[in-house]
Amino acid sequence: MFDEVRDLYNQTILARGRKPLHMQALAAFDATAKGDNPMCGDRVEVWVKLGDDGNIADTGYKARGCEISIVSADLMVEAVEGLAPSSTKALFDAFRTMVQTGECPDCAQDLTALQPLSAVHKYKSRVKCATLPWHALIAALDGGTTRVSSE
């Protein structure tokens, strides 16, 4: 059991959980959305700035909750930079499959930056923590200030 927990809380998760690199609100943004998981108390707000080409130019977030949700948001910011909204949604689908099953055999997207969260599938209650920031991001991309709950 201890080894499994250690697999979940790998070095990246521990380091980013203690000191996230991208946790900040954006002063200028095109869309925002909040998400919360009432079952565990995780909350996140995501801001998105789109570039002239319509791709994600900048993303910021504020989060309160477990390390998994905070690290997921932090890694998400890096993973979506420069992506078109449609590519971001495809990446979320691939990421969700990875954290639900531990595998992603049909993933066309590169999940390398998100690999530290691959052990989440062993802890079904943590899947919601990992996907919450992504749900907020997709809600923001879909039109703005929607409040979402984790699935």
N, C-alpha and C. Protein backbone atom coordinates (compact mmCIF):
# COMPACT_ATOMS: atom_id res chain seq x y z
N MET A 1 0.83 -1.20 0.00
CA MET A 1 0.00 0.00 0.00
C MET A 1 0.88 1.26 0.00
N PHE A 2 1.92 1.29 0.83
CA PHE A 2 2.80 2.45 0.90
C PHE A 2 3.44 2.74 -0.44
N ASP A 3 3.87 1.69 -1.16
CA ASP A 3 4.48 1.88 -2.48
C ASP A 3 3.51 2.51 -3.45
N GLU A 4 2.22 2.12 -3.40
CA GLU A 4 1.23 2.70 -4.29
C GLU A 4 1.04 4.18 -4.00
N VAL A 5 0.97 4.55 -2.74
CA VAL A 5 0.81 5.95 -2.37
C VAL A 5 2.05 6.74 -2.80
N ARG A 6 3.22 6.13 -2.64
CA ARG A 6 4.45 6.78 -3.09
C ARG A 6 4.44 6.97 -4.60
N ASP A 7 3.87 6.01 -5.34
CA ASP A 7 3.74 6.17 -6.79
C ASP A 7 2.88 7.37 -7.14
N LEU A 8 1.81 7.57 -6.39
CA LEU A 8 0.92 8.69 -6.66
C LEU A 8 1.61 10.02 -6.34
N TYR A 9 2.24 10.08 -5.19
CA TYR A 9 2.90 11.32 -4.78
C TYR A 9 4.37 11.29 -5.16
N ASN A 10 4.62 11.31 -6.47
CA ASN A 10 5.98 11.30 -6.97
C ASN A 10 6.63 12.67 -6.76
N GLN A 11 7.88 12.79 -7.15
CA GLN A 11 8.64 14.02 -6.90
C GLN A 11 8.00 15.25 -7.53
N THR A 12 7.50 15.11 -8.74
CA THR A 12 6.89 16.26 -9.41
C THR A 12 5.66 16.73 -8.64
N ILE A 13 4.83 15.80 -8.23
CA ILE A 13 3.62 16.17 -7.50
C ILE A 13 3.98 16.82 -6.17
N LEU A 14 4.93 16.26 -5.47
CA LEU A 14 5.32 16.85 -4.19
C LEU A 14 5.91 18.24 -4.37
N ALA A 15 6.79 18.42 -5.35
CA ALA A 15 7.42 19.72 -5.58
C ALA A 15 6.41 20.76 -6.06
N ARG A 16 5.59 20.42 -7.03
CA ARG A 16 4.61 21.37 -7.57
C ARG A 16 3.49 21.64 -6.57
N GLY A 17 3.17 20.66 -5.75
CA GLY A 17 2.15 20.87 -4.74
C GLY A 17 2.59 21.88 -3.69
N ARG A 18 3.86 21.83 -3.36
CA ARG A 18 4.40 22.78 -2.37
C ARG A 18 4.63 24.17 -2.96
N LYS A 19 5.09 24.19 -4.21
CA LYS A 19 5.42 25.45 -4.85
C LYS A 19 4.99 25.44 -6.32
N PRO A 20 3.72 25.68 -6.57
CA PRO A 20 3.25 25.72 -7.96
C PRO A 20 3.95 26.83 -8.73
N LEU A 21 4.19 26.58 -10.00
CA LEU A 21 4.90 27.54 -10.83
C LEU A 21 3.99 28.54 -11.53
N HIS A 22 2.71 28.20 -11.68
CA HIS A 22 1.84 29.02 -12.52
C HIS A 22 0.58 29.51 -11.81
N MET A 23 0.51 29.39 -10.50
CA MET A 23 -0.70 29.81 -9.80
C MET A 23 -0.73 31.33 -9.70
N GLN A 24 -1.54 31.92 -10.58
CA GLN A 24 -1.71 33.37 -10.59
C GLN A 24 -2.94 33.71 -11.41
N ALA A 25 -3.61 34.75 -11.00
CA ALA A 25 -4.73 35.27 -11.79
C ALA A 25 -4.15 36.10 -12.92
N LEU A 26 -4.82 36.11 -14.04
CA LEU A 26 -4.40 36.96 -15.15
C LEU A 26 -5.10 38.31 -15.04
N ALA A 27 -4.36 39.38 -15.23
CA ALA A 27 -4.94 40.72 -15.19
C ALA A 27 -5.83 40.97 -16.41
N ALA A 28 -5.40 40.47 -17.55
CA ALA A 28 -6.18 40.61 -18.80
C ALA A 28 -6.49 39.20 -19.29
N PHE A 29 -7.76 38.95 -19.55
CA PHE A 29 -8.16 37.62 -19.99
C PHE A 29 -9.41 37.72 -20.85
N ASP A 30 -9.64 36.66 -21.62
CA ASP A 30 -10.80 36.60 -22.50
C ASP A 30 -11.93 35.76 -21.91
N ALA A 31 -11.59 34.83 -21.05
CA ALA A 31 -12.61 33.95 -20.47
C ALA A 31 -12.13 33.46 -19.11
N THR A 32 -13.09 33.13 -18.28
CA THR A 32 -12.79 32.59 -16.96
C THR A 32 -13.90 31.63 -16.56
N ALA A 33 -13.59 30.69 -15.71
CA ALA A 33 -14.59 29.78 -15.16
C ALA A 33 -14.10 29.27 -13.82
N LYS A 34 -15.04 28.96 -12.96
CA LYS A 34 -14.74 28.39 -11.66
C LYS A 34 -15.22 26.95 -11.62
N GLY A 35 -14.52 26.15 -10.86
CA GLY A 35 -14.93 24.77 -10.66
C GLY A 35 -14.77 24.41 -9.20
N ASP A 36 -15.64 23.53 -8.74
CA ASP A 36 -15.47 23.04 -7.38
C ASP A 36 -15.92 21.60 -7.29
N ASN A 37 -15.31 20.90 -6.37
CA ASN A 37 -15.67 19.53 -6.08
C ASN A 37 -16.21 19.54 -4.66
N PRO A 38 -17.53 19.59 -4.50
CA PRO A 38 -18.11 19.70 -3.17
C PRO A 38 -17.84 18.48 -2.29
N MET A 39 -17.48 17.36 -2.89
CA MET A 39 -17.21 16.16 -2.10
C MET A 39 -15.91 16.26 -1.30
N CYS A 40 -14.93 17.00 -1.83
CA CYS A 40 -13.65 17.08 -1.12
C CYS A 40 -13.21 18.51 -0.81
N GLY A 41 -13.89 19.49 -1.38
CA GLY A 41 -13.55 20.88 -1.10
C GLY A 41 -12.57 21.52 -2.05
N ASP A 42 -12.14 20.81 -3.10
CA ASP A 42 -11.26 21.42 -4.10
C ASP A 42 -12.01 22.52 -4.83
N ARG A 43 -11.33 23.65 -5.03
CA ARG A 43 -11.89 24.77 -5.79
C ARG A 43 -10.81 25.33 -6.70
N VAL A 44 -11.21 25.73 -7.88
CA VAL A 44 -10.27 26.30 -8.84
C VAL A 44 -10.98 27.37 -9.66
N GLU A 45 -10.23 28.39 -10.01
CA GLU A 45 -10.69 29.37 -10.98
C GLU A 45 -9.61 29.48 -12.04
N VAL A 46 -10.03 29.46 -13.29
CA VAL A 46 -9.10 29.47 -14.42
C VAL A 46 -9.38 30.71 -15.27
N TRP A 47 -8.31 31.35 -15.73
CA TRP A 47 -8.40 32.49 -16.64
C TRP A 47 -7.64 32.14 -17.91
N VAL A 48 -8.20 32.54 -19.06
CA VAL A 48 -7.58 32.23 -20.34
C VAL A 48 -7.48 33.50 -21.18
N LYS A 49 -6.31 33.73 -21.73
CA LYS A 49 -6.07 34.81 -22.68
C LYS A 49 -5.76 34.16 -24.02
N LEU A 50 -6.54 34.54 -25.03
CA LEU A 50 -6.33 34.01 -26.37
C LEU A 50 -5.48 34.98 -27.18
N GLY A 51 -4.66 34.41 -28.05
CA GLY A 51 -3.84 35.23 -28.93
C GLY A 51 -4.63 35.66 -30.16
N ASP A 52 -4.01 36.46 -31.00
CA ASP A 52 -4.64 36.92 -32.23
C ASP A 52 -5.03 35.75 -33.15
N ASP A 53 -4.31 34.64 -33.03
CA ASP A 53 -4.59 33.47 -33.86
C ASP A 53 -5.70 32.59 -33.28
N GLY A 54 -6.22 32.96 -32.11
CA GLY A 54 -7.28 32.18 -31.47
C GLY A 54 -6.78 31.08 -30.57
N ASN A 55 -5.47 30.89 -30.53
CA ASN A 55 -4.88 29.87 -29.67
C ASN A 55 -4.67 30.43 -28.26
N ILE A 56 -4.45 29.53 -27.32
CA ILE A 56 -4.24 29.94 -25.94
C ILE A 56 -2.88 30.61 -25.81
N ALA A 57 -2.88 31.88 -25.47
CA ALA A 57 -1.64 32.63 -25.30
C ALA A 57 -1.17 32.58 -23.85
N ASP A 58 -2.10 32.55 -22.91
CA ASP A 58 -1.74 32.53 -21.50
C ASP A 58 -2.90 31.94 -20.71
N THR A 59 -2.55 31.26 -19.65
CA THR A 59 -3.54 30.68 -18.75
C THR A 59 -3.06 30.90 -17.33
N GLY A 60 -3.97 31.26 -16.47
CA GLY A 60 -3.65 31.39 -15.06
C GLY A 60 -4.72 30.70 -14.25
N TYR A 61 -4.42 30.43 -13.01
CA TYR A 61 -5.39 29.79 -12.14
C TYR A 61 -5.11 30.13 -10.69
N LYS A 62 -6.12 30.00 -9.89
CA LYS A 62 -6.01 30.02 -8.43
C LYS A 62 -6.72 28.77 -7.98
N ALA A 63 -6.13 28.06 -7.04
CA ALA A 63 -6.73 26.81 -6.57
C ALA A 63 -6.53 26.65 -5.08
N ARG A 64 -7.51 26.01 -4.50
CA ARG A 64 -7.43 25.60 -3.10
C ARG A 64 -7.90 24.16 -3.06
N GLY A 65 -7.09 23.32 -2.49
CA GLY A 65 -7.47 21.92 -2.41
C GLY A 65 -6.27 21.02 -2.24
N CYS A 66 -6.45 19.79 -2.65
CA CYS A 66 -5.39 18.80 -2.49
C CYS A 66 -4.27 19.03 -3.50
N GLU A 67 -3.15 18.37 -3.26
CA GLU A 67 -2.01 18.51 -4.15
C GLU A 67 -2.33 18.05 -5.57
N ILE A 68 -3.15 17.02 -5.69
CA ILE A 68 -3.46 16.49 -7.02
C ILE A 68 -4.16 17.55 -7.87
N SER A 69 -5.15 18.23 -7.32
CA SER A 69 -5.86 19.24 -8.12
C SER A 69 -4.96 20.44 -8.43
N ILE A 70 -4.14 20.84 -7.48
CA ILE A 70 -3.24 21.97 -7.70
C ILE A 70 -2.17 21.62 -8.75
N VAL A 71 -1.59 20.44 -8.63
CA VAL A 71 -0.56 20.03 -9.60
C VAL A 71 -1.18 19.84 -10.98
N SER A 72 -2.39 19.29 -11.04
CA SER A 72 -3.05 19.13 -12.33
C SER A 72 -3.23 20.49 -13.00
N ALA A 73 -3.68 21.48 -12.25
CA ALA A 73 -3.85 22.83 -12.80
C ALA A 73 -2.50 23.40 -13.25
N ASP A 74 -1.48 23.21 -12.45
CA ASP A 74 -0.16 23.76 -12.77
C ASP A 74 0.41 23.14 -14.05
N LEU A 75 0.32 21.82 -14.16
CA LEU A 75 0.81 21.14 -15.36
C LEU A 75 -0.06 21.45 -16.57
N MET A 76 -1.35 21.62 -16.34
CA MET A 76 -2.28 21.96 -17.42
C MET A 76 -1.87 23.27 -18.09
N VAL A 77 -1.50 24.26 -17.30
CA VAL A 77 -1.10 25.56 -17.84
C VAL A 77 0.03 25.38 -18.85
N GLU A 78 1.00 24.56 -18.50
CA GLU A 78 2.13 24.32 -19.41
C GLU A 78 1.70 23.54 -20.65
N ALA A 79 0.83 22.57 -20.45
CA ALA A 79 0.45 21.68 -21.55
C ALA A 79 -0.39 22.37 -22.61
N VAL A 80 -1.18 23.37 -22.24
CA VAL A 80 -2.11 23.98 -23.21
C VAL A 80 -1.58 25.24 -23.87
N GLU A 81 -0.46 25.74 -23.43
CA GLU A 81 0.08 26.97 -24.02
C GLU A 81 0.29 26.80 -25.52
N GLY A 82 -0.29 27.71 -26.29
CA GLY A 82 -0.15 27.71 -27.73
C GLY A 82 -1.14 26.82 -28.46
N LEU A 83 -1.96 26.06 -27.74
CA LEU A 83 -2.90 25.16 -28.39
C LEU A 83 -4.19 25.88 -28.80
N ALA A 84 -4.78 25.41 -29.86
CA ALA A 84 -6.11 25.85 -30.25
C ALA A 84 -7.11 25.27 -29.26
N PRO A 85 -8.25 25.92 -29.07
CA PRO A 85 -9.27 25.36 -28.17
C PRO A 85 -9.65 23.92 -28.51
N SER A 86 -9.78 23.59 -29.79
CA SER A 86 -10.14 22.22 -30.17
C SER A 86 -9.04 21.23 -29.78
N SER A 87 -7.79 21.63 -29.93
CA SER A 87 -6.67 20.77 -29.52
C SER A 87 -6.63 20.63 -28.01
N THR A 88 -6.98 21.69 -27.30
CA THR A 88 -7.02 21.65 -25.84
C THR A 88 -8.09 20.66 -25.38
N LYS A 89 -9.23 20.67 -26.04
CA LYS A 89 -10.30 19.72 -25.68
C LYS A 89 -9.88 18.29 -25.97
N ALA A 90 -9.18 18.07 -27.06
CA ALA A 90 -8.69 16.74 -27.38
C ALA A 90 -7.64 16.29 -26.36
N LEU A 91 -6.79 17.21 -25.94
CA LEU A 91 -5.80 16.89 -24.92
C LEU A 91 -6.48 16.53 -23.61
N PHE A 92 -7.53 17.27 -23.24
CA PHE A 92 -8.28 16.93 -22.03
C PHE A 92 -8.88 15.54 -22.13
N ASP A 93 -9.45 15.20 -23.27
CA ASP A 93 -10.02 13.86 -23.44
C ASP A 93 -8.95 12.78 -23.23
N ALA A 94 -7.77 13.00 -23.81
CA ALA A 94 -6.67 12.05 -23.65
C ALA A 94 -6.21 11.99 -22.20
N PHE A 95 -6.09 13.14 -21.56
CA PHE A 95 -5.67 13.20 -20.17
C PHE A 95 -6.69 12.48 -19.28
N ARG A 96 -7.97 12.73 -19.51
CA ARG A 96 -9.02 12.10 -18.70
C ARG A 96 -8.95 10.58 -18.84
N THR A 97 -8.73 10.10 -20.05
CA THR A 97 -8.58 8.66 -20.25
C THR A 97 -7.40 8.13 -19.46
N MET A 98 -6.28 8.86 -19.49
CA MET A 98 -5.09 8.43 -18.77
C MET A 98 -5.33 8.36 -17.27
N VAL A 99 -5.98 9.37 -16.69
CA VAL A 99 -6.17 9.35 -15.24
C VAL A 99 -7.29 8.41 -14.81
N GLN A 100 -8.17 8.05 -15.73
CA GLN A 100 -9.23 7.10 -15.40
C GLN A 100 -8.76 5.66 -15.52
N THR A 101 -7.88 5.39 -16.49
CA THR A 101 -7.51 4.00 -16.80
C THR A 101 -6.03 3.69 -16.60
N GLY A 102 -5.19 4.72 -16.58
CA GLY A 102 -3.75 4.49 -16.52
C GLY A 102 -3.14 4.29 -17.89
N GLU A 103 -3.97 4.25 -18.91
CA GLU A 103 -3.51 4.03 -20.28
C GLU A 103 -4.15 5.05 -21.20
N CYS A 104 -3.56 5.17 -22.35
CA CYS A 104 -4.14 6.03 -23.36
C CYS A 104 -3.64 5.56 -24.72
N PRO A 105 -4.07 4.34 -25.12
CA PRO A 105 -3.52 3.74 -26.34
C PRO A 105 -3.86 4.50 -27.62
N ASP A 106 -4.97 5.21 -27.65
CA ASP A 106 -5.36 5.91 -28.87
C ASP A 106 -5.08 7.41 -28.80
N CYS A 107 -4.26 7.80 -27.86
CA CYS A 107 -4.00 9.23 -27.67
C CYS A 107 -3.11 9.77 -28.78
N ALA A 108 -3.65 10.73 -29.50
CA ALA A 108 -2.86 11.40 -30.53
C ALA A 108 -2.08 12.56 -29.93
N GLN A 109 -2.47 12.96 -28.74
CA GLN A 109 -1.83 14.10 -28.09
C GLN A 109 -0.63 13.65 -27.26
N ASP A 110 0.32 14.52 -27.09
CA ASP A 110 1.50 14.24 -26.29
C ASP A 110 1.16 14.53 -24.82
N LEU A 111 1.20 13.50 -24.01
CA LEU A 111 0.87 13.63 -22.60
C LEU A 111 2.12 13.67 -21.70
N THR A 112 3.27 13.85 -22.28
CA THR A 112 4.52 13.80 -21.52
C THR A 112 4.49 14.72 -20.30
N ALA A 113 4.09 15.95 -20.48
CA ALA A 113 4.09 16.91 -19.37
C ALA A 113 3.10 16.52 -18.28
N LEU A 114 2.12 15.69 -18.62
CA LEU A 114 1.08 15.31 -17.67
C LEU A 114 1.30 13.93 -17.05
N GLN A 115 2.36 13.25 -17.46
CA GLN A 115 2.66 11.91 -16.97
C GLN A 115 2.76 11.80 -15.45
N PRO A 116 3.23 12.82 -14.73
CA PRO A 116 3.31 12.67 -13.28
C PRO A 116 1.96 12.33 -12.63
N LEU A 117 0.87 12.57 -13.33
CA LEU A 117 -0.46 12.27 -12.79
C LEU A 117 -1.01 10.93 -13.25
N SER A 118 -0.22 10.14 -13.95
CA SER A 118 -0.71 8.89 -14.52
C SER A 118 -1.11 7.86 -13.47
N ALA A 119 -0.56 7.92 -12.27
CA ALA A 119 -0.91 6.95 -11.22
C ALA A 119 -2.26 7.25 -10.56
N VAL A 120 -2.87 8.36 -10.91
CA VAL A 120 -4.15 8.73 -10.31
C VAL A 120 -5.20 7.64 -10.53
N HIS A 121 -5.13 6.93 -11.64
CA HIS A 121 -6.15 5.91 -11.94
C HIS A 121 -6.26 4.85 -10.83
N LYS A 122 -5.23 4.67 -10.05
CA LYS A 122 -5.27 3.69 -8.96
C LYS A 122 -6.13 4.16 -7.79
N TYR A 123 -6.47 5.43 -7.79
CA TYR A 123 -7.23 6.05 -6.69
C TYR A 123 -8.44 6.75 -7.29
N LYS A 124 -9.50 6.01 -7.49
CA LYS A 124 -10.67 6.52 -8.22
C LYS A 124 -11.20 7.83 -7.65
N SER A 125 -11.12 8.02 -6.34
CA SER A 125 -11.62 9.26 -5.75
C SER A 125 -10.75 10.46 -6.13
N ARG A 126 -9.54 10.23 -6.60
CA ARG A 126 -8.63 11.31 -6.99
C ARG A 126 -8.78 11.72 -8.45
N VAL A 127 -9.49 10.93 -9.24
CA VAL A 127 -9.70 11.28 -10.65
C VAL A 127 -10.42 12.62 -10.73
N LYS A 128 -11.41 12.84 -9.88
CA LYS A 128 -12.14 14.11 -9.88
C LYS A 128 -11.23 15.27 -9.53
N CYS A 129 -10.29 15.02 -8.63
CA CYS A 129 -9.34 16.07 -8.25
C CYS A 129 -8.48 16.47 -9.45
N ALA A 130 -8.02 15.47 -10.19
CA ALA A 130 -7.14 15.72 -11.33
C ALA A 130 -7.86 16.38 -12.50
N THR A 131 -9.14 16.08 -12.68
CA THR A 131 -9.85 16.61 -13.84
C THR A 131 -10.54 17.95 -13.57
N LEU A 132 -10.71 18.33 -12.32
CA LEU A 132 -11.43 19.57 -12.00
C LEU A 132 -10.86 20.80 -12.72
N PRO A 133 -9.56 21.06 -12.67
CA PRO A 133 -9.05 22.25 -13.38
C PRO A 133 -9.33 22.21 -14.88
N TRP A 134 -9.29 21.04 -15.44
CA TRP A 134 -9.56 20.89 -16.88
C TRP A 134 -11.02 21.19 -17.20
N HIS A 135 -11.93 20.75 -16.35
CA HIS A 135 -13.34 21.07 -16.57
C HIS A 135 -13.54 22.59 -16.54
N ALA A 136 -12.88 23.26 -15.62
CA ALA A 136 -12.99 24.72 -15.55
C ALA A 136 -12.40 25.36 -16.81
N LEU A 137 -11.27 24.86 -17.27
CA LEU A 137 -10.65 25.39 -18.49
C LEU A 137 -11.58 25.22 -19.69
N ILE A 138 -12.14 24.05 -19.84
CA ILE A 138 -13.04 23.80 -20.97
C ILE A 138 -14.28 24.68 -20.86
N ALA A 139 -14.81 24.86 -19.66
CA ALA A 139 -15.96 25.75 -19.47
C ALA A 139 -15.60 27.17 -19.88
N ALA A 140 -14.40 27.61 -19.52
CA ALA A 140 -13.95 28.96 -19.92
C ALA A 140 -13.87 29.05 -21.44
N LEU A 141 -13.29 28.06 -22.07
CA LEU A 141 -13.16 28.07 -23.53
C LEU A 141 -14.52 28.01 -24.23
N ASP A 142 -15.48 27.41 -23.55
CA ASP A 142 -16.82 27.27 -24.13
C ASP A 142 -17.68 28.51 -23.92
N GLY A 143 -17.12 29.54 -23.31
CA GLY A 143 -17.89 30.76 -23.28
C GLY A 143 -17.88 31.56 -22.02
N GLY A 144 -17.08 31.21 -21.09
CA GLY A 144 -16.96 32.20 -20.04
C GLY A 144 -17.17 31.78 -18.63
N THR A 145 -17.97 32.51 -17.95
CA THR A 145 -17.97 32.49 -16.49
C THR A 145 -18.86 31.41 -15.88
N THR A 146 -18.83 30.23 -16.44
CA THR A 146 -19.62 29.12 -15.95
C THR A 146 -18.99 28.52 -14.70
N ARG A 147 -19.82 28.12 -13.78
CA ARG A 147 -19.35 27.39 -12.60
C ARG A 147 -19.60 25.92 -12.86
N VAL A 148 -18.57 25.11 -12.69
CA VAL A 148 -18.68 23.68 -12.97
C VAL A 148 -18.38 22.88 -11.71
N SER A 149 -18.94 21.72 -11.62
CA SER A 149 -18.59 20.77 -10.58
C SER A 149 -17.82 19.64 -11.25
N SER A 150 -16.96 19.01 -10.50
CA SER A 150 -16.20 17.91 -11.06
C SER A 150 -17.15 16.76 -11.35
N GLU A 151 -16.84 16.01 -12.41
CA GLU A 151 -17.70 14.89 -12.79
C GLU A 151 -17.60 13.74 -11.84
